[in-house]
Amino acid sequence: MERVSPGERATLAAGMTLLWNLGLVIAPIYYGLLQDGLGFTAGFTVDFVTIIVLYTIATSLLWHWFRDTDRTATSEAMIGPIPVETPVPFEHA
């Protein structure tokens, strides 16, 4: 999120949520069709292999896209500290 401008963060968050929820819609339909067509055991096996393949692809893509990211720069160094006002002591009347 810190790599996205503040004006685009809401759009990015909405897009990420949309894609995540799309997966939650597609997965049960996919598994239901597999279980209906192949039976429980074979459907579970195919589903398990599919999960392994998708996680392998996701891990490879993350490594490929972010392997050159500078790990020494922290988000605080890029953004800077947020100024905080000093509290005003409460006075009794």
N, C-alpha and C. Protein backbone atom coordinates (compact mmCIF):
# COMPACT_ATOMS: atom_id res chain seq x y z
N MET A 1 0.81 -1.20 0.00
CA MET A 1 0.00 0.00 0.00
C MET A 1 0.85 1.26 0.00
N GLU A 2 2.04 1.20 0.62
CA GLU A 2 2.83 2.42 0.68
C GLU A 2 3.41 2.81 -0.68
N ARG A 3 3.35 1.93 -1.66
CA ARG A 3 3.83 2.25 -2.99
C ARG A 3 2.76 2.93 -3.85
N VAL A 4 1.56 3.01 -3.33
CA VAL A 4 0.45 3.62 -4.06
C VAL A 4 0.19 5.00 -3.48
N SER A 5 -0.15 5.95 -4.33
CA SER A 5 -0.43 7.30 -3.83
C SER A 5 -1.67 7.27 -2.94
N PRO A 6 -1.75 8.18 -1.96
CA PRO A 6 -2.89 8.18 -1.04
C PRO A 6 -4.24 8.28 -1.74
N GLY A 7 -4.31 8.96 -2.87
CA GLY A 7 -5.57 9.08 -3.59
C GLY A 7 -6.03 7.80 -4.25
N GLU A 8 -5.09 6.86 -4.47
CA GLU A 8 -5.43 5.60 -5.15
C GLU A 8 -5.55 4.43 -4.20
N ARG A 9 -5.34 4.64 -2.92
CA ARG A 9 -5.37 3.52 -1.96
C ARG A 9 -6.75 2.90 -1.82
N ALA A 10 -7.78 3.72 -1.83
CA ALA A 10 -9.14 3.18 -1.72
C ALA A 10 -9.49 2.34 -2.94
N THR A 11 -9.06 2.79 -4.12
CA THR A 11 -9.31 2.01 -5.34
C THR A 11 -8.56 0.69 -5.30
N LEU A 12 -7.32 0.72 -4.85
CA LEU A 12 -6.53 -0.51 -4.75
C LEU A 12 -7.15 -1.47 -3.73
N ALA A 13 -7.56 -0.95 -2.58
CA ALA A 13 -8.18 -1.79 -1.56
C ALA A 13 -9.47 -2.42 -2.07
N ALA A 14 -10.27 -1.63 -2.80
CA ALA A 14 -11.52 -2.16 -3.36
C ALA A 14 -11.23 -3.24 -4.40
N GLY A 15 -10.23 -3.01 -5.25
CA GLY A 15 -9.87 -4.01 -6.26
C GLY A 15 -9.35 -5.29 -5.65
N MET A 16 -8.52 -5.17 -4.60
CA MET A 16 -8.00 -6.36 -3.93
C MET A 16 -9.12 -7.15 -3.27
N THR A 17 -10.06 -6.45 -2.64
CA THR A 17 -11.20 -7.11 -2.00
C THR A 17 -12.08 -7.79 -3.03
N LEU A 18 -12.29 -7.12 -4.16
CA LEU A 18 -13.10 -7.69 -5.23
C LEU A 18 -12.48 -8.99 -5.75
N LEU A 19 -11.18 -8.98 -6.01
CA LEU A 19 -10.52 -10.19 -6.51
C LEU A 19 -10.54 -11.31 -5.48
N TRP A 20 -10.34 -10.98 -4.21
CA TRP A 20 -10.36 -12.00 -3.16
C TRP A 20 -11.76 -12.63 -3.07
N ASN A 21 -12.80 -11.80 -3.08
CA ASN A 21 -14.16 -12.32 -2.99
C ASN A 21 -14.57 -13.07 -4.25
N LEU A 22 -14.03 -12.69 -5.40
CA LEU A 22 -14.29 -13.43 -6.63
C LEU A 22 -13.77 -14.87 -6.50
N GLY A 23 -12.61 -15.01 -5.89
CA GLY A 23 -12.08 -16.35 -5.62
C GLY A 23 -12.98 -17.15 -4.70
N LEU A 24 -13.58 -16.47 -3.71
CA LEU A 24 -14.48 -17.16 -2.78
C LEU A 24 -15.79 -17.57 -3.46
N VAL A 25 -16.13 -16.93 -4.56
CA VAL A 25 -17.33 -17.30 -5.31
C VAL A 25 -17.01 -18.46 -6.26
N ILE A 26 -15.87 -18.39 -6.91
CA ILE A 26 -15.53 -19.40 -7.93
C ILE A 26 -15.14 -20.74 -7.31
N ALA A 27 -14.42 -20.73 -6.20
CA ALA A 27 -13.88 -21.95 -5.61
C ALA A 27 -14.96 -22.99 -5.26
N PRO A 28 -16.05 -22.64 -4.57
CA PRO A 28 -17.05 -23.66 -4.25
C PRO A 28 -17.74 -24.22 -5.49
N ILE A 29 -17.96 -23.37 -6.50
CA ILE A 29 -18.57 -23.86 -7.73
C ILE A 29 -17.64 -24.85 -8.42
N TYR A 30 -16.36 -24.50 -8.49
CA TYR A 30 -15.35 -25.38 -9.11
C TYR A 30 -15.28 -26.71 -8.37
N TYR A 31 -15.19 -26.66 -7.05
CA TYR A 31 -15.08 -27.90 -6.29
C TYR A 31 -16.36 -28.71 -6.35
N GLY A 32 -17.51 -28.04 -6.35
CA GLY A 32 -18.78 -28.76 -6.45
C GLY A 32 -18.91 -29.51 -7.77
N LEU A 33 -18.49 -28.87 -8.87
CA LEU A 33 -18.53 -29.54 -10.17
C LEU A 33 -17.56 -30.72 -10.21
N LEU A 34 -16.37 -30.53 -9.62
CA LEU A 34 -15.41 -31.64 -9.57
C LEU A 34 -15.95 -32.81 -8.76
N GLN A 35 -16.49 -32.52 -7.60
CA GLN A 35 -17.00 -33.58 -6.74
C GLN A 35 -18.20 -34.28 -7.39
N ASP A 36 -19.03 -33.53 -8.08
CA ASP A 36 -20.19 -34.12 -8.74
C ASP A 36 -19.77 -35.00 -9.91
N GLY A 37 -18.79 -34.55 -10.67
CA GLY A 37 -18.37 -35.29 -11.86
C GLY A 37 -17.43 -36.45 -11.58
N LEU A 38 -16.51 -36.26 -10.63
CA LEU A 38 -15.49 -37.28 -10.39
C LEU A 38 -15.70 -38.11 -9.14
N GLY A 39 -16.59 -37.69 -8.28
CA GLY A 39 -16.75 -38.36 -7.00
C GLY A 39 -15.94 -37.62 -5.94
N PHE A 40 -16.18 -37.97 -4.68
CA PHE A 40 -15.55 -37.23 -3.59
C PHE A 40 -14.03 -37.39 -3.59
N THR A 41 -13.53 -38.60 -3.64
CA THR A 41 -12.09 -38.84 -3.52
C THR A 41 -11.31 -38.27 -4.69
N ALA A 42 -11.74 -38.54 -5.91
CA ALA A 42 -11.04 -38.03 -7.08
C ALA A 42 -11.19 -36.51 -7.17
N GLY A 43 -12.36 -35.98 -6.84
CA GLY A 43 -12.57 -34.54 -6.85
C GLY A 43 -11.67 -33.84 -5.84
N PHE A 44 -11.53 -34.44 -4.65
CA PHE A 44 -10.66 -33.88 -3.63
C PHE A 44 -9.21 -33.91 -4.09
N THR A 45 -8.79 -34.99 -4.74
CA THR A 45 -7.41 -35.10 -5.23
C THR A 45 -7.12 -34.04 -6.28
N VAL A 46 -8.01 -33.87 -7.23
CA VAL A 46 -7.81 -32.86 -8.28
C VAL A 46 -7.81 -31.46 -7.65
N ASP A 47 -8.70 -31.23 -6.71
CA ASP A 47 -8.76 -29.93 -6.03
C ASP A 47 -7.46 -29.66 -5.27
N PHE A 48 -6.93 -30.66 -4.60
CA PHE A 48 -5.69 -30.52 -3.84
C PHE A 48 -4.52 -30.21 -4.77
N VAL A 49 -4.44 -30.91 -5.89
CA VAL A 49 -3.38 -30.66 -6.86
C VAL A 49 -3.53 -29.26 -7.45
N THR A 50 -4.76 -28.83 -7.71
CA THR A 50 -5.01 -27.48 -8.22
C THR A 50 -4.51 -26.43 -7.24
N ILE A 51 -4.79 -26.63 -5.95
CA ILE A 51 -4.33 -25.69 -4.93
C ILE A 51 -2.81 -25.64 -4.90
N ILE A 52 -2.16 -26.78 -4.99
CA ILE A 52 -0.69 -26.81 -4.99
C ILE A 52 -0.14 -26.04 -6.19
N VAL A 53 -0.72 -26.24 -7.36
CA VAL A 53 -0.26 -25.54 -8.57
C VAL A 53 -0.48 -24.04 -8.44
N LEU A 54 -1.65 -23.62 -7.98
CA LEU A 54 -1.93 -22.18 -7.86
C LEU A 54 -1.04 -21.51 -6.82
N TYR A 55 -0.78 -22.16 -5.69
CA TYR A 55 0.12 -21.59 -4.70
C TYR A 55 1.55 -21.51 -5.22
N THR A 56 1.96 -22.50 -6.00
CA THR A 56 3.30 -22.46 -6.60
C THR A 56 3.42 -21.31 -7.58
N ILE A 57 2.40 -21.11 -8.40
CA ILE A 57 2.41 -20.00 -9.36
C ILE A 57 2.43 -18.66 -8.61
N ALA A 58 1.61 -18.52 -7.58
CA ALA A 58 1.55 -17.27 -6.82
C ALA A 58 2.88 -16.97 -6.14
N THR A 59 3.50 -17.98 -5.55
CA THR A 59 4.80 -17.79 -4.91
C THR A 59 5.86 -17.40 -5.92
N SER A 60 5.87 -18.05 -7.07
CA SER A 60 6.84 -17.73 -8.12
C SER A 60 6.65 -16.31 -8.64
N LEU A 61 5.39 -15.89 -8.84
CA LEU A 61 5.13 -14.54 -9.32
C LEU A 61 5.55 -13.49 -8.29
N LEU A 62 5.24 -13.72 -7.03
CA LEU A 62 5.66 -12.77 -6.00
C LEU A 62 7.17 -12.66 -5.93
N TRP A 63 7.85 -13.78 -6.00
CA TRP A 63 9.31 -13.75 -5.96
C TRP A 63 9.86 -13.03 -7.18
N HIS A 64 9.29 -13.31 -8.35
CA HIS A 64 9.77 -12.69 -9.58
C HIS A 64 9.53 -11.18 -9.59
N TRP A 65 8.35 -10.74 -9.15
CA TRP A 65 8.01 -9.33 -9.19
C TRP A 65 8.74 -8.51 -8.13
N PHE A 66 8.97 -9.09 -6.95
CA PHE A 66 9.49 -8.31 -5.82
C PHE A 66 10.89 -8.71 -5.38
N ARG A 67 11.61 -9.49 -6.15
CA ARG A 67 12.94 -9.93 -5.71
C ARG A 67 13.94 -8.79 -5.68
N ASP A 68 13.73 -7.75 -6.47
CA ASP A 68 14.67 -6.63 -6.50
C ASP A 68 14.25 -5.48 -5.58
N THR A 69 13.25 -5.70 -4.74
CA THR A 69 12.78 -4.66 -3.83
C THR A 69 13.83 -4.40 -2.77
N ASP A 70 14.06 -3.13 -2.49
CA ASP A 70 15.03 -2.75 -1.48
C ASP A 70 14.44 -3.05 -0.10
N ARG A 71 15.07 -3.94 0.63
CA ARG A 71 14.56 -4.34 1.94
C ARG A 71 15.05 -3.42 3.05
N THR A 72 15.99 -2.54 2.74
CA THR A 72 16.54 -1.67 3.78
C THR A 72 15.67 -0.45 4.02
N ALA A 73 14.91 -0.02 3.03
CA ALA A 73 14.05 1.16 3.19
C ALA A 73 12.77 0.76 3.90
N THR A 74 12.48 1.46 4.97
CA THR A 74 11.24 1.19 5.70
C THR A 74 10.16 2.16 5.26
N SER A 75 8.95 1.84 5.58
CA SER A 75 7.85 2.72 5.18
C SER A 75 7.93 4.05 5.91
N GLU A 76 8.45 4.07 7.14
CA GLU A 76 8.58 5.33 7.87
C GLU A 76 9.60 6.25 7.20
N ALA A 77 10.66 5.66 6.63
CA ALA A 77 11.68 6.47 5.96
C ALA A 77 11.12 7.10 4.70
N MET A 78 10.20 6.42 4.02
CA MET A 78 9.63 6.95 2.80
C MET A 78 8.53 7.96 3.09
N ILE A 79 7.75 7.74 4.13
CA ILE A 79 6.60 8.60 4.41
C ILE A 79 6.96 9.70 5.40
N GLY A 80 7.68 9.37 6.43
CA GLY A 80 8.03 10.33 7.46
C GLY A 80 7.07 10.22 8.63
N PRO A 81 7.47 10.74 9.78
CA PRO A 81 6.60 10.64 10.96
C PRO A 81 5.39 11.57 10.84
N ILE A 82 4.32 11.17 11.48
CA ILE A 82 3.10 11.97 11.50
C ILE A 82 3.20 12.95 12.66
N PRO A 83 3.01 14.25 12.41
CA PRO A 83 3.10 15.20 13.51
C PRO A 83 1.93 15.03 14.48
N VAL A 84 2.24 15.12 15.76
CA VAL A 84 1.23 14.94 16.81
C VAL A 84 1.19 16.21 17.64
N GLU A 85 -0.02 16.70 17.91
CA GLU A 85 -0.16 17.87 18.75
C GLU A 85 0.02 17.49 20.21
N THR A 86 0.60 18.38 20.98
CA THR A 86 0.74 18.11 22.41
C THR A 86 -0.61 18.29 23.07
N PRO A 87 -0.96 17.40 23.99
CA PRO A 87 -2.27 17.52 24.64
C PRO A 87 -2.33 18.74 25.56
N VAL A 88 -3.50 19.34 25.61
CA VAL A 88 -3.73 20.47 26.49
C VAL A 88 -4.26 19.92 27.81
N PRO A 89 -3.62 20.31 28.94
CA PRO A 89 -4.10 19.78 30.22
C PRO A 89 -5.50 20.30 30.53
N PHE A 90 -6.31 19.43 31.13
CA PHE A 90 -7.68 19.80 31.49
C PHE A 90 -7.66 20.63 32.74
N GLU A 91 -8.32 21.76 32.70
CA GLU A 91 -8.38 22.65 33.87
C GLU A 91 -9.77 22.62 34.46
N HIS A 92 -9.82 22.52 35.79
CA HIS A 92 -11.12 22.53 36.49
C HIS A 92 -11.60 23.96 36.63
N ALA A 93 -12.89 24.14 36.53
CA ALA A 93 -13.46 25.49 36.67
C ALA A 93 -13.60 25.88 38.11
